[in-house]
């Protein structure tokens, strides 16, 4: 989770790509899906009782496709709370954004008080 948050801080647009369900190739390195490879299918058990059942393999394949289509869902399934990921990404966006023209609202309110009422 920490590696993902660090990546989002370095690349604030990565959060946008996650939210838009665009490719997140970096995610495969930092948080690989547990559904990739043949191990999950070998360990899966089906109520039908057959050892090499196609039901479990089909279900795992469908789940892997779904997680690949929704990378943010993959992160939440791996223990990264959605709120923490979004907060970390939005914080990185805020740090990367240029300050607004004219300063903050607090600065503008202070300037208005310093000028006093006009009239």
PDB file of N, CA and C in Angstrom:
ATOM      1  N   UNK A   1       0.832  -1.198   0.000  1.00  0.00           N
ATOM      2  CA  UNK A   1       0.000   0.000   0.000  1.00  0.00           C
ATOM      3  C   UNK A   1       0.872   1.254   0.000  1.00  0.00           C
ATOM      4  N   UNK A   2       1.911   1.253   0.803  1.00  0.00           N
ATOM      5  CA  UNK A   2       2.786   2.424   0.877  1.00  0.00           C
ATOM      6  C   UNK A   2       3.469   2.684  -0.459  1.00  0.00           C
ATOM      7  N   UNK A   3       3.859   1.621  -1.148  1.00  0.00           N
ATOM      8  CA  UNK A   3       4.511   1.787  -2.449  1.00  0.00           C
ATOM      9  C   UNK A   3       3.541   2.398  -3.454  1.00  0.00           C
ATOM     10  N   UNK A   4       2.279   2.010  -3.384  1.00  0.00           N
ATOM     11  CA  UNK A   4       1.267   2.562  -4.294  1.00  0.00           C
ATOM     12  C   UNK A   4       1.055   4.036  -3.991  1.00  0.00           C
ATOM     13  N   UNK A   5       0.937   4.395  -2.709  1.00  0.00           N
ATOM     14  CA  UNK A   5       0.761   5.806  -2.345  1.00  0.00           C
ATOM     15  C   UNK A   5       1.965   6.634  -2.775  1.00  0.00           C
ATOM     16  N   UNK A   6       3.158   6.081  -2.616  1.00  0.00           N
ATOM     17  CA  UNK A   6       4.360   6.796  -3.052  1.00  0.00           C
ATOM     18  C   UNK A   6       4.340   7.001  -4.561  1.00  0.00           C
ATOM     19  N   UNK A   7       3.883   5.997  -5.297  1.00  0.00           N
ATOM     20  CA  UNK A   7       3.806   6.131  -6.754  1.00  0.00           C
ATOM     21  C   UNK A   7       2.804   7.218  -7.133  1.00  0.00           C
ATOM     22  N   UNK A   8       1.658   7.238  -6.453  1.00  0.00           N
ATOM     23  CA  UNK A   8       0.640   8.248  -6.750  1.00  0.00           C
ATOM     24  C   UNK A   8       1.147   9.653  -6.435  1.00  0.00           C
ATOM     25  N   UNK A   9       1.988   9.781  -5.405  1.00  0.00           N
ATOM     26  CA  UNK A   9       2.562  11.091  -5.094  1.00  0.00           C
ATOM     27  C   UNK A   9       3.531  11.536  -6.178  1.00  0.00           C
ATOM     28  N   UNK A  10       4.270  10.589  -6.744  1.00  0.00           N
ATOM     29  CA  UNK A  10       5.222  10.923  -7.803  1.00  0.00           C
ATOM     30  C   UNK A  10       4.525  11.215  -9.127  1.00  0.00           C
ATOM     31  N   UNK A  11       3.413  10.548  -9.366  1.00  0.00           N
ATOM     32  CA  UNK A  11       2.693  10.697 -10.630  1.00  0.00           C
ATOM     33  C   UNK A  11       1.210  10.924 -10.338  1.00  0.00           C
ATOM     34  N   UNK A  12       0.817  12.169 -10.032  1.00  0.00           N
ATOM     35  CA  UNK A  12      -0.580  12.439  -9.693  1.00  0.00           C
ATOM     36  C   UNK A  12      -1.565  12.032 -10.787  1.00  0.00           C
ATOM     37  N   UNK A  13      -1.136  12.027 -12.032  1.00  0.00           N
ATOM     38  CA  UNK A  13      -2.042  11.625 -13.111  1.00  0.00           C
ATOM     39  C   UNK A  13      -2.356  10.134 -13.064  1.00  0.00           C
ATOM     40  N   UNK A  14      -1.561   9.367 -12.336  1.00  0.00           N
ATOM     41  CA  UNK A  14      -1.821   7.933 -12.205  1.00  0.00           C
ATOM     42  C   UNK A  14      -3.164   7.695 -11.525  1.00  0.00           C
ATOM     43  N   UNK A  15      -3.528   8.549 -10.570  1.00  0.00           N
ATOM     44  CA  UNK A  15      -4.829   8.414  -9.918  1.00  0.00           C
ATOM     45  C   UNK A  15      -5.946   8.647 -10.922  1.00  0.00           C
ATOM     46  N   UNK A  16      -5.788   9.651 -11.769  1.00  0.00           N
ATOM     47  CA  UNK A  16      -6.795   9.900 -12.801  1.00  0.00           C
ATOM     48  C   UNK A  16      -6.953   8.664 -13.682  1.00  0.00           C
ATOM     49  N   UNK A  17      -5.830   8.083 -14.074  1.00  0.00           N
ATOM     50  CA  UNK A  17      -5.896   6.891 -14.926  1.00  0.00           C
ATOM     51  C   UNK A  17      -6.564   5.725 -14.197  1.00  0.00           C
ATOM     52  N   UNK A  18      -6.322   5.610 -12.894  1.00  0.00           N
ATOM     53  CA  UNK A  18      -6.997   4.560 -12.124  1.00  0.00           C
ATOM     54  C   UNK A  18      -8.502   4.793 -12.089  1.00  0.00           C
ATOM     55  N   UNK A  19      -8.897   6.036 -11.809  1.00  0.00           N
ATOM     56  CA  UNK A  19     -10.324   6.353 -11.735  1.00  0.00           C
ATOM     57  C   UNK A  19     -11.019   6.180 -13.076  1.00  0.00           C
ATOM     58  N   UNK A  20     -10.276   6.423 -14.159  1.00  0.00           N
ATOM     59  CA  UNK A  20     -10.839   6.274 -15.502  1.00  0.00           C
ATOM     60  C   UNK A  20     -10.705   4.842 -16.010  1.00  0.00           C
ATOM     61  N   UNK A  21     -10.221   3.939 -15.164  1.00  0.00           N
ATOM     62  CA  UNK A  21     -10.030   2.528 -15.514  1.00  0.00           C
ATOM     63  C   UNK A  21      -9.146   2.371 -16.746  1.00  0.00           C
ATOM     64  N   UNK A  22      -8.142   3.228 -16.837  1.00  0.00           N
ATOM     65  CA  UNK A  22      -7.175   3.110 -17.925  1.00  0.00           C
ATOM     66  C   UNK A  22      -6.050   2.190 -17.487  1.00  0.00           C
ATOM     67  N   UNK A  23      -5.204   1.830 -18.443  1.00  0.00           N
ATOM     68  CA  UNK A  23      -4.094   0.927 -18.143  1.00  0.00           C
ATOM     69  C   UNK A  23      -3.270   1.440 -16.973  1.00  0.00           C
ATOM     70  N   UNK A  24      -2.957   0.545 -16.091  1.00  0.00           N
ATOM     71  CA  UNK A  24      -2.095   0.862 -14.949  1.00  0.00           C
ATOM     72  C   UNK A  24      -1.019  -0.216 -14.886  1.00  0.00           C
ATOM     73  N   UNK A  25      -0.133  -0.180 -15.869  1.00  0.00           N
ATOM     74  CA  UNK A  25       0.906  -1.202 -15.950  1.00  0.00           C
ATOM     75  C   UNK A  25       1.797  -1.201 -14.716  1.00  0.00           C
ATOM     76  N   UNK A  26       2.011  -0.041 -14.113  1.00  0.00           N
ATOM     77  CA  UNK A  26       2.832   0.064 -12.911  1.00  0.00           C
ATOM     78  C   UNK A  26       2.243  -0.730 -11.757  1.00  0.00           C
ATOM     79  N   UNK A  27       0.934  -0.902 -11.772  1.00  0.00           N
ATOM     80  CA  UNK A  27       0.260  -1.594 -10.685  1.00  0.00           C
ATOM     81  C   UNK A  27       0.648  -3.071 -10.628  1.00  0.00           C
ATOM     82  N   UNK A  28       0.894  -3.663 -11.779  1.00  0.00           N
ATOM     83  CA  UNK A  28       1.279  -5.075 -11.812  1.00  0.00           C
ATOM     84  C   UNK A  28       2.603  -5.304 -11.086  1.00  0.00           C
ATOM     85  N   UNK A  29       3.476  -4.307 -11.113  1.00  0.00           N
ATOM     86  CA  UNK A  29       4.756  -4.419 -10.405  1.00  0.00           C
ATOM     87  C   UNK A  29       4.593  -4.194  -8.904  1.00  0.00           C
ATOM     88  N   UNK A  30       3.850  -3.150  -8.549  1.00  0.00           N
ATOM     89  CA  UNK A  30       3.742  -2.777  -7.137  1.00  0.00           C
ATOM     90  C   UNK A  30       2.757  -3.643  -6.356  1.00  0.00           C
ATOM     91  N   UNK A  31       1.682  -4.042  -6.998  1.00  0.00           N
ATOM     92  CA  UNK A  31       0.652  -4.838  -6.322  1.00  0.00           C
ATOM     93  C   UNK A  31       0.096  -5.864  -7.297  1.00  0.00           C
ATOM     94  N   UNK A  32       0.855  -6.904  -7.589  1.00  0.00           N
ATOM     95  CA  UNK A  32       0.388  -7.890  -8.561  1.00  0.00           C
ATOM     96  C   UNK A  32      -0.905  -8.563  -8.101  1.00  0.00           C
ATOM     97  N   UNK A  33      -1.742  -8.862  -9.054  1.00  0.00           N
ATOM     98  CA  UNK A  33      -3.016  -9.504  -8.752  1.00  0.00           C
ATOM     99  C   UNK A  33      -2.778 -10.934  -8.274  1.00  0.00           C
ATOM    100  N   UNK A  34      -3.454 -11.332  -7.212  1.00  0.00           N
ATOM    101  CA  UNK A  34      -3.309 -12.712  -6.752  1.00  0.00           C
ATOM    102  C   UNK A  34      -3.967 -13.705  -7.702  1.00  0.00           C
ATOM    103  N   UNK A  35      -4.708 -13.202  -8.669  1.00  0.00           N
ATOM    104  CA  UNK A  35      -5.402 -14.085  -9.604  1.00  0.00           C
ATOM    105  C   UNK A  35      -4.591 -14.383 -10.856  1.00  0.00           C
ATOM    106  N   UNK A  36      -3.401 -13.827 -10.958  1.00  0.00           N
ATOM    107  CA  UNK A  36      -2.560 -14.081 -12.124  1.00  0.00           C
ATOM    108  C   UNK A  36      -1.781 -15.372 -11.909  1.00  0.00           C
ATOM    109  N   UNK A  37      -1.515 -16.056 -12.989  1.00  0.00           N
ATOM    110  CA  UNK A  37      -0.742 -17.291 -12.908  1.00  0.00           C
ATOM    111  C   UNK A  37      -1.638 -18.500 -12.727  1.00  0.00           C
ATOM    112  N   UNK A  38      -1.030 -19.635 -12.565  1.00  0.00           N
ATOM    113  CA  UNK A  38      -1.787 -20.880 -12.474  1.00  0.00           C
ATOM    114  C   UNK A  38      -2.013 -21.343 -11.038  1.00  0.00           C
ATOM    115  N   UNK A  39      -1.332 -20.774 -10.075  1.00  0.00           N
ATOM    116  CA  UNK A  39      -1.479 -21.213  -8.688  1.00  0.00           C
ATOM    117  C   UNK A  39      -2.903 -21.094  -8.159  1.00  0.00           C
ATOM    118  N   UNK A  40      -3.593 -19.963  -8.366  1.00  0.00           N
ATOM    119  CA  UNK A  40      -4.955 -19.877  -7.821  1.00  0.00           C
ATOM    120  C   UNK A  40      -5.876 -20.955  -8.377  1.00  0.00           C
ATOM    121  N   UNK A  41      -5.756 -21.254  -9.663  1.00  0.00           N
ATOM    122  CA  UNK A  41      -6.624 -22.270 -10.259  1.00  0.00           C
ATOM    123  C   UNK A  41      -6.315 -23.644  -9.677  1.00  0.00           C
ATOM    124  N   UNK A  42      -5.057 -23.913  -9.392  1.00  0.00           N
ATOM    125  CA  UNK A  42      -4.684 -25.215  -8.836  1.00  0.00           C
ATOM    126  C   UNK A  42      -5.203 -25.373  -7.408  1.00  0.00           C
ATOM    127  N   UNK A  43      -5.257 -24.278  -6.656  1.00  0.00           N
ATOM    128  CA  UNK A  43      -5.707 -24.336  -5.264  1.00  0.00           C
ATOM    129  C   UNK A  43      -7.217 -24.203  -5.114  1.00  0.00           C
ATOM    130  N   UNK A  44      -7.901 -23.783  -6.151  1.00  0.00           N
ATOM    131  CA  UNK A  44      -9.340 -23.532  -6.060  1.00  0.00           C
ATOM    132  C   UNK A  44     -10.107 -24.844  -5.923  1.00  0.00           C
ATOM    133  N   UNK A  45     -11.145 -24.796  -5.131  1.00  0.00           N
ATOM    134  CA  UNK A  45     -12.007 -25.957  -4.935  1.00  0.00           C
ATOM    135  C   UNK A  45     -13.417 -25.590  -5.367  1.00  0.00           C
ATOM    136  N   UNK A  46     -14.106 -26.557  -5.928  1.00  0.00           N
ATOM    137  CA  UNK A  46     -15.465 -26.342  -6.418  1.00  0.00           C
ATOM    138  C   UNK A  46     -16.405 -27.307  -5.701  1.00  0.00           C
ATOM    139  N   UNK A  47     -17.635 -26.895  -5.439  1.00  0.00           N
ATOM    140  CA  UNK A  47     -18.590 -27.789  -4.785  1.00  0.00           C
ATOM    141  C   UNK A  47     -18.926 -29.033  -5.609  1.00  0.00           C
ATOM    142  N   UNK A  48     -18.597 -29.024  -6.904  1.00  0.00           N
ATOM    143  CA  UNK A  48     -18.925 -30.195  -7.721  1.00  0.00           C
ATOM    144  C   UNK A  48     -18.060 -31.396  -7.346  1.00  0.00           C
ATOM    145  N   UNK A  49     -16.942 -31.150  -6.647  1.00  0.00           N
ATOM    146  CA  UNK A  49     -16.118 -32.238  -6.159  1.00  0.00           C
ATOM    147  C   UNK A  49     -15.033 -32.722  -7.096  1.00  0.00           C
ATOM    148  N   UNK A  50     -15.024 -32.286  -8.333  1.00  0.00           N
ATOM    149  CA  UNK A  50     -13.989 -32.724  -9.271  1.00  0.00           C
ATOM    150  C   UNK A  50     -12.680 -32.017  -8.952  1.00  0.00           C
ATOM    151  N   UNK A  51     -11.588 -32.742  -9.077  1.00  0.00           N
ATOM    152  CA  UNK A  51     -10.274 -32.190  -8.749  1.00  0.00           C
ATOM    153  C   UNK A  51      -9.863 -31.108  -9.743  1.00  0.00           C
ATOM    154  N   UNK A  52      -9.957 -31.368 -11.018  1.00  0.00           N
ATOM    155  CA  UNK A  52      -9.558 -30.406 -12.053  1.00  0.00           C
ATOM    156  C   UNK A  52     -10.815 -29.798 -12.671  1.00  0.00           C
ATOM    157  N   UNK A  53     -11.553 -29.097 -11.854  1.00  0.00           N
ATOM    158  CA  UNK A  53     -12.841 -28.543 -12.276  1.00  0.00           C
ATOM    159  C   UNK A  53     -12.661 -27.278 -13.109  1.00  0.00           C
ATOM    160  N   UNK A  54     -13.432 -27.167 -14.156  1.00  0.00           N
ATOM    161  CA  UNK A  54     -13.381 -25.982 -15.002  1.00  0.00           C
ATOM    162  C   UNK A  54     -14.168 -24.812 -14.432  1.00  0.00           C
ATOM    163  N   UNK A  55     -15.087 -25.091 -13.493  1.00  0.00           N
ATOM    164  CA  UNK A  55     -15.891 -24.010 -12.912  1.00  0.00           C
ATOM    165  C   UNK A  55     -15.011 -22.998 -12.181  1.00  0.00           C
ATOM    166  N   UNK A  56     -14.146 -23.510 -11.321  1.00  0.00           N
ATOM    167  CA  UNK A  56     -13.282 -22.624 -10.533  1.00  0.00           C
ATOM    168  C   UNK A  56     -12.334 -21.852 -11.435  1.00  0.00           C
ATOM    169  N   UNK A  57     -11.766 -22.522 -12.420  1.00  0.00           N
ATOM    170  CA  UNK A  57     -10.845 -21.842 -13.338  1.00  0.00           C
ATOM    171  C   UNK A  57     -11.565 -20.735 -14.101  1.00  0.00           C
ATOM    172  N   UNK A  58     -12.799 -20.997 -14.537  1.00  0.00           N
ATOM    173  CA  UNK A  58     -13.570 -19.987 -15.268  1.00  0.00           C
ATOM    174  C   UNK A  58     -13.902 -18.805 -14.363  1.00  0.00           C
ATOM    175  N   UNK A  59     -14.250 -19.088 -13.122  1.00  0.00           N
ATOM    176  CA  UNK A  59     -14.565 -18.019 -12.178  1.00  0.00           C
ATOM    177  C   UNK A  59     -13.338 -17.156 -11.897  1.00  0.00           C
ATOM    178  N   UNK A  60     -12.199 -17.794 -11.692  1.00  0.00           N
ATOM    179  CA  UNK A  60     -10.968 -17.043 -11.448  1.00  0.00           C
ATOM    180  C   UNK A  60     -10.571 -16.212 -12.662  1.00  0.00           C
ATOM    181  N   UNK A  61     -10.763 -16.760 -13.860  1.00  0.00           N
ATOM    182  CA  UNK A  61     -10.438 -16.011 -15.081  1.00  0.00           C
ATOM    183  C   UNK A  61     -11.346 -14.791 -15.212  1.00  0.00           C
ATOM    184  N   UNK A  62     -12.638 -14.960 -14.915  1.00  0.00           N
ATOM    185  CA  UNK A  62     -13.573 -13.833 -14.989  1.00  0.00           C
ATOM    186  C   UNK A  62     -13.222 -12.770 -13.947  1.00  0.00           C
ATOM    187  N   UNK A  63     -12.851 -13.205 -12.751  1.00  0.00           N
ATOM    188  CA  UNK A  63     -12.461 -12.248 -11.709  1.00  0.00           C
ATOM    189  C   UNK A  63     -11.194 -11.501 -12.103  1.00  0.00           C
ATOM    190  N   UNK A  64     -10.237 -12.194 -12.701  1.00  0.00           N
ATOM    191  CA  UNK A  64      -8.994 -11.545 -13.138  1.00  0.00           C
ATOM    192  C   UNK A  64      -9.277 -10.507 -14.213  1.00  0.00           C
ATOM    193  N   UNK A  65     -10.176 -10.819 -15.143  1.00  0.00           N
ATOM    194  CA  UNK A  65     -10.546  -9.848 -16.182  1.00  0.00           C
ATOM    195  C   UNK A  65     -11.216  -8.630 -15.565  1.00  0.00           C
ATOM    196  N   UNK A  66     -12.076  -8.858 -14.600  1.00  0.00           N
ATOM    197  CA  UNK A  66     -12.789  -7.750 -13.948  1.00  0.00           C
ATOM    198  C   UNK A  66     -11.808  -6.837 -13.214  1.00  0.00           C
ATOM    199  N   UNK A  67     -10.869  -7.443 -12.493  1.00  0.00           N
ATOM    200  CA  UNK A  67      -9.889  -6.635 -11.766  1.00  0.00           C
ATOM    201  C   UNK A  67      -8.959  -5.900 -12.722  1.00  0.00           C
ATOM    202  N   UNK A  68      -8.640  -6.517 -13.851  1.00  0.00           N
ATOM    203  CA  UNK A  68      -7.794  -5.842 -14.838  1.00  0.00           C
ATOM    204  C   UNK A  68      -8.529  -4.645 -15.433  1.00  0.00           C
ATOM    205  N   UNK A  69      -9.852  -4.755 -15.575  1.00  0.00           N
ATOM    206  CA  UNK A  69     -10.648  -3.661 -16.133  1.00  0.00           C
ATOM    207  C   UNK A  69     -10.865  -2.546 -15.113  1.00  0.00           C
ATOM    208  N   UNK A  70     -10.766  -2.868 -13.830  1.00  0.00           N
ATOM    209  CA  UNK A  70     -10.977  -1.885 -12.768  1.00  0.00           C
ATOM    210  C   UNK A  70      -9.799  -1.925 -11.794  1.00  0.00           C
ATOM    211  N   UNK A  71      -8.689  -1.278 -12.159  1.00  0.00           N
ATOM    212  CA  UNK A  71      -7.499  -1.363 -11.317  1.00  0.00           C
ATOM    213  C   UNK A  71      -7.685  -0.810  -9.904  1.00  0.00           C
ATOM    214  N   UNK A  72      -8.534   0.184  -9.737  1.00  0.00           N
ATOM    215  CA  UNK A  72      -8.763   0.718  -8.391  1.00  0.00           C
ATOM    216  C   UNK A  72      -9.429  -0.339  -7.508  1.00  0.00           C
ATOM    217  N   UNK A  73     -10.302  -1.125  -8.098  1.00  0.00           N
ATOM    218  CA  UNK A  73     -10.938  -2.218  -7.362  1.00  0.00           C
ATOM    219  C   UNK A  73      -9.895  -3.244  -6.927  1.00  0.00           C
ATOM    220  N   UNK A  74      -8.923  -3.487  -7.790  1.00  0.00           N
ATOM    221  CA  UNK A  74      -7.849  -4.419  -7.444  1.00  0.00           C
ATOM    222  C   UNK A  74      -7.097  -3.927  -6.209  1.00  0.00           C
ATOM    223  N   UNK A  75      -6.836  -2.637  -6.154  1.00  0.00           N
ATOM    224  CA  UNK A  75      -6.130  -2.086  -4.994  1.00  0.00           C
ATOM    225  C   UNK A  75      -6.953  -2.218  -3.715  1.00  0.00           C
ATOM    226  N   UNK A  76      -8.240  -1.968  -3.803  1.00  0.00           N
ATOM    227  CA  UNK A  76      -9.064  -2.081  -2.603  1.00  0.00           C
ATOM    228  C   UNK A  76      -9.169  -3.536  -2.158  1.00  0.00           C
ATOM    229  N   UNK A  77      -9.206  -4.463  -3.096  1.00  0.00           N
ATOM    230  CA  UNK A  77      -9.242  -5.878  -2.742  1.00  0.00           C
ATOM    231  C   UNK A  77      -7.938  -6.332  -2.103  1.00  0.00           C
ATOM    232  N   UNK A  78      -6.852  -5.654  -2.420  1.00  0.00           N
ATOM    233  CA  UNK A  78      -5.542  -6.011  -1.864  1.00  0.00           C
ATOM    234  C   UNK A  78      -5.267  -5.300  -0.541  1.00  0.00           C
ATOM    235  N   UNK A  79      -6.261  -4.618   0.005  1.00  0.00           N
ATOM    236  CA  UNK A  79      -6.090  -4.016   1.317  1.00  0.00           C
ATOM    237  C   UNK A  79      -5.800  -2.528   1.310  1.00  0.00           C
ATOM    238  N   UNK A  80      -5.882  -1.895   0.166  1.00  0.00           N
ATOM    239  CA  UNK A  80      -5.686  -0.452   0.102  1.00  0.00           C
ATOM    240  C   UNK A  80      -7.036   0.228   0.165  1.00  0.00           C
ATOM    241  N   UNK A  81      -7.409   0.787   1.322  1.00  0.00           N
ATOM    242  CA  UNK A  81      -8.718   1.431   1.419  1.00  0.00           C
ATOM    243  C   UNK A  81      -8.870   2.522   0.361  1.00  0.00           C
ATOM    244  N   UNK A  82      -9.971   2.496  -0.315  1.00  0.00           N
ATOM    245  CA  UNK A  82     -10.236   3.445  -1.405  1.00  0.00           C
ATOM    246  C   UNK A  82     -10.057   4.890  -0.935  1.00  0.00           C
ATOM    247  N   UNK A  83     -10.559   5.192   0.267  1.00  0.00           N
ATOM    248  CA  UNK A  83     -10.476   6.560   0.774  1.00  0.00           C
ATOM    249  C   UNK A  83      -9.022   6.996   0.949  1.00  0.00           C
ATOM    250  N   UNK A  84      -8.193   6.101   1.473  1.00  0.00           N
ATOM    251  CA  UNK A  84      -6.779   6.443   1.680  1.00  0.00           C
ATOM    252  C   UNK A  84      -6.077   6.642   0.347  1.00  0.00           C
ATOM    253  N   UNK A  85      -6.392   5.800  -0.629  1.00  0.00           N
ATOM    254  CA  UNK A  85      -5.771   5.937  -1.946  1.00  0.00           C
ATOM    255  C   UNK A  85      -6.197   7.244  -2.607  1.00  0.00           C
ATOM    256  N   UNK A  86      -7.486   7.546  -2.524  1.00  0.00           N
ATOM    257  CA  UNK A  86      -7.976   8.784  -3.127  1.00  0.00           C
ATOM    258  C   UNK A  86      -7.402  10.001  -2.404  1.00  0.00           C
ATOM    259  N   UNK A  87      -7.372   9.959  -1.076  1.00  0.00           N
ATOM    260  CA  UNK A  87      -6.825  11.089  -0.318  1.00  0.00           C
ATOM    261  C   UNK A  87      -5.361  11.304  -0.665  1.00  0.00           C
ATOM    262  N   UNK A  88      -4.598  10.227  -0.746  1.00  0.00           N
ATOM    263  CA  UNK A  88      -3.184  10.349  -1.107  1.00  0.00           C
ATOM    264  C   UNK A  88      -2.996  10.903  -2.500  1.00  0.00           C
ATOM    265  N   UNK A  89      -3.808  10.433  -3.432  1.00  0.00           N
ATOM    266  CA  UNK A  89      -3.711  10.924  -4.811  1.00  0.00           C
ATOM    267  C   UNK A  89      -4.142  12.370  -4.939  1.00  0.00           C
ATOM    268  N   UNK A  90      -5.235  12.736  -4.276  1.00  0.00           N
ATOM    269  CA  UNK A  90      -5.705  14.120  -4.352  1.00  0.00           C
ATOM    270  C   UNK A  90      -4.731  15.069  -3.658  1.00  0.00           C
ATOM    271  N   UNK A  91      -4.107  14.595  -2.578  1.00  0.00           N
ATOM    272  CA  UNK A  91      -3.097  15.405  -1.906  1.00  0.00           C
ATOM    273  C   UNK A  91      -1.925  15.664  -2.848  1.00  0.00           C
ATOM    274  N   UNK A  92      -1.529  14.637  -3.588  1.00  0.00           N
ATOM    275  CA  UNK A  92      -0.436  14.804  -4.557  1.00  0.00           C
ATOM    276  C   UNK A  92      -0.845  15.780  -5.658  1.00  0.00           C
ATOM    277  N   UNK A  93      -2.110  15.699  -6.098  1.00  0.00           N
ATOM    278  CA  UNK A  93      -2.601  16.646  -7.107  1.00  0.00           C
ATOM    279  C   UNK A  93      -2.508  18.068  -6.570  1.00  0.00           C
ATOM    280  N   UNK A  94      -2.955  18.262  -5.329  1.00  0.00           N
ATOM    281  CA  UNK A  94      -2.951  19.606  -4.742  1.00  0.00           C
ATOM    282  C   UNK A  94      -1.532  20.155  -4.642  1.00  0.00           C
ATOM    283  N   UNK A  95      -0.582  19.308  -4.285  1.00  0.00           N
ATOM    284  CA  UNK A  95       0.808  19.754  -4.184  1.00  0.00           C
ATOM    285  C   UNK A  95       1.392  20.079  -5.552  1.00  0.00           C
ATOM    286  N   UNK A  96       0.942  19.361  -6.583  1.00  0.00           N
ATOM    287  CA  UNK A  96       1.485  19.561  -7.926  1.00  0.00           C
ATOM    288  C   UNK A  96       0.846  20.750  -8.638  1.00  0.00           C
ATOM    289  N   UNK A  97      -0.341  21.160  -8.192  1.00  0.00           N
ATOM    290  CA  UNK A  97      -1.060  22.247  -8.866  1.00  0.00           C
ATOM    291  C   UNK A  97      -0.423  23.589  -8.524  1.00  0.00           C
ATOM    292  N   UNK A  98      -0.381  24.503  -9.499  1.00  0.00           N
ATOM    293  CA  UNK A  98       0.144  25.839  -9.209  1.00  0.00           C
ATOM    294  C   UNK A  98      -0.828  26.578  -8.293  1.00  0.00           C
ATOM    295  N   UNK A  99      -0.330  27.510  -7.479  1.00  0.00           N
ATOM    296  CA  UNK A  99      -1.230  28.260  -6.606  1.00  0.00           C
ATOM    297  C   UNK A  99      -2.193  29.097  -7.444  1.00  0.00           C
ATOM    298  N   UNK A 100      -3.403  29.301  -6.951  1.00  0.00           N
ATOM    299  CA  UNK A 100      -4.374  30.078  -7.714  1.00  0.00           C
ATOM    300  C   UNK A 100      -3.933  31.530  -7.854  1.00  0.00           C
ATOM    301  N   UNK A 101      -4.298  32.133  -8.956  1.00  0.00           N
ATOM    302  CA  UNK A 101      -3.977  33.548  -9.187  1.00  0.00           C
ATOM    303  C   UNK A 101      -4.710  34.390  -8.152  1.00  0.00           C
ATOM    304  N   UNK A 102      -4.012  35.349  -7.579  1.00  0.00           N
ATOM    305  CA  UNK A 102      -4.661  36.222  -6.602  1.00  0.00           C
ATOM    306  C   UNK A 102      -4.582  35.701  -5.184  1.00  0.00           C
ATOM    307  N   UNK A 103      -3.976  34.567  -4.963  1.00  0.00           N
ATOM    308  CA  UNK A 103      -3.817  34.037  -3.611  1.00  0.00           C
ATOM    309  C   UNK A 103      -5.033  33.272  -3.146  1.00  0.00           C
ATOM    310  N   UNK A 104      -4.954  32.831  -1.907  1.00  0.00           N
ATOM    311  CA  UNK A 104      -6.031  32.032  -1.337  1.00  0.00           C
ATOM    312  C   UNK A 104      -7.191  32.928  -0.904  1.00  0.00           C
ATOM    313  N   UNK A 105      -8.293  32.296  -0.576  1.00  0.00           N
ATOM    314  CA  UNK A 105      -9.466  33.040  -0.114  1.00  0.00           C
ATOM    315  C   UNK A 105      -9.159  33.753   1.197  1.00  0.00           C
ATOM    316  N   UNK A 106      -8.366  33.115   2.058  1.00  0.00           N
ATOM    317  CA  UNK A 106      -8.009  33.749   3.333  1.00  0.00           C
ATOM    318  C   UNK A 106      -7.167  34.996   3.098  1.00  0.00           C
ATOM    319  N   UNK A 107      -6.231  34.927   2.146  1.00  0.00           N
ATOM    320  CA  UNK A 107      -5.405  36.094   1.836  1.00  0.00           C
ATOM    321  C   UNK A 107      -6.261  37.222   1.273  1.00  0.00           C
ATOM    322  N   UNK A 108      -7.215  36.893   0.423  1.00  0.00           N
ATOM    323  CA  UNK A 108      -8.086  37.913  -0.157  1.00  0.00           C
ATOM    324  C   UNK A 108      -8.953  38.558   0.917  1.00  0.00           C
ATOM    325  N   UNK A 109      -9.441  37.764   1.875  1.00  0.00           N
ATOM    326  CA  UNK A 109     -10.259  38.315   2.956  1.00  0.00           C
ATOM    327  C   UNK A 109      -9.424  39.241   3.835  1.00  0.00           C
ATOM    328  N   UNK A 110      -8.174  38.861   4.087  1.00  0.00           N
ATOM    329  CA  UNK A 110      -7.280  39.703   4.888  1.00  0.00           C
ATOM    330  C   UNK A 110      -7.021  41.019   4.181  1.00  0.00           C
ATOM    331  N   UNK A 111      -6.783  40.967   2.870  1.00  0.00           N
ATOM    332  CA  UNK A 111      -6.542  42.193   2.110  1.00  0.00           C
ATOM    333  C   UNK A 111      -7.762  43.103   2.146  1.00  0.00           C
ATOM    334  N   UNK A 112      -8.951  42.526   2.076  1.00  0.00           N
ATOM    335  CA  UNK A 112     -10.174  43.332   2.105  1.00  0.00           C
ATOM    336  C   UNK A 112     -10.318  44.030   3.452  1.00  0.00           C
ATOM    337  N   UNK A 113      -9.967  43.338   4.544  1.00  0.00           N
ATOM    338  CA  UNK A 113     -10.046  43.950   5.875  1.00  0.00           C
ATOM    339  C   UNK A 113      -9.016  45.058   6.029  1.00  0.00           C
ATOM    340  N   UNK A 114      -7.819  44.852   5.477  1.00  0.00           N
ATOM    341  CA  UNK A 114      -6.761  45.855   5.587  1.00  0.00           C
ATOM    342  C   UNK A 114      -7.138  47.139   4.861  1.00  0.00           C
ATOM    343  N   UNK A 115      -7.815  47.023   3.732  1.00  0.00           N
ATOM    344  CA  UNK A 115      -8.218  48.200   2.964  1.00  0.00           C
ATOM    345  C   UNK A 115      -9.288  48.980   3.708  1.00  0.00           C
ATOM    346  N   UNK A 116     -10.111  48.264   4.440  1.00  0.00           N
ATOM    347  CA  UNK A 116     -11.209  48.915   5.131  1.00  0.00           C
ATOM    348  C   UNK A 116     -12.369  49.134   4.175  1.00  0.00           C
ATOM    349  N   UNK A 117     -13.464  49.633   4.717  1.00  0.00           N
ATOM    350  CA  UNK A 117     -14.624  49.863   3.853  1.00  0.00           C
ATOM    351  C   UNK A 117     -14.348  51.001   2.878  1.00  0.00           C
ATOM    352  N   UNK A 118     -14.769  50.788   1.687  1.00  0.00           N
ATOM    353  CA  UNK A 118     -14.575  51.846   0.683  1.00  0.00           C
ATOM    354  C   UNK A 118     -15.830  52.701   0.638  1.00  0.00           C
ATOM    355  N   UNK A 119     -15.637  53.938   0.329  1.00  0.00           N
ATOM    356  CA  UNK A 119     -16.841  54.739   0.286  1.00  0.00           C
ATOM    357  C   UNK A 119     -16.633  56.136   0.014  1.00  0.00           C
TER     358      UNK A 119
END
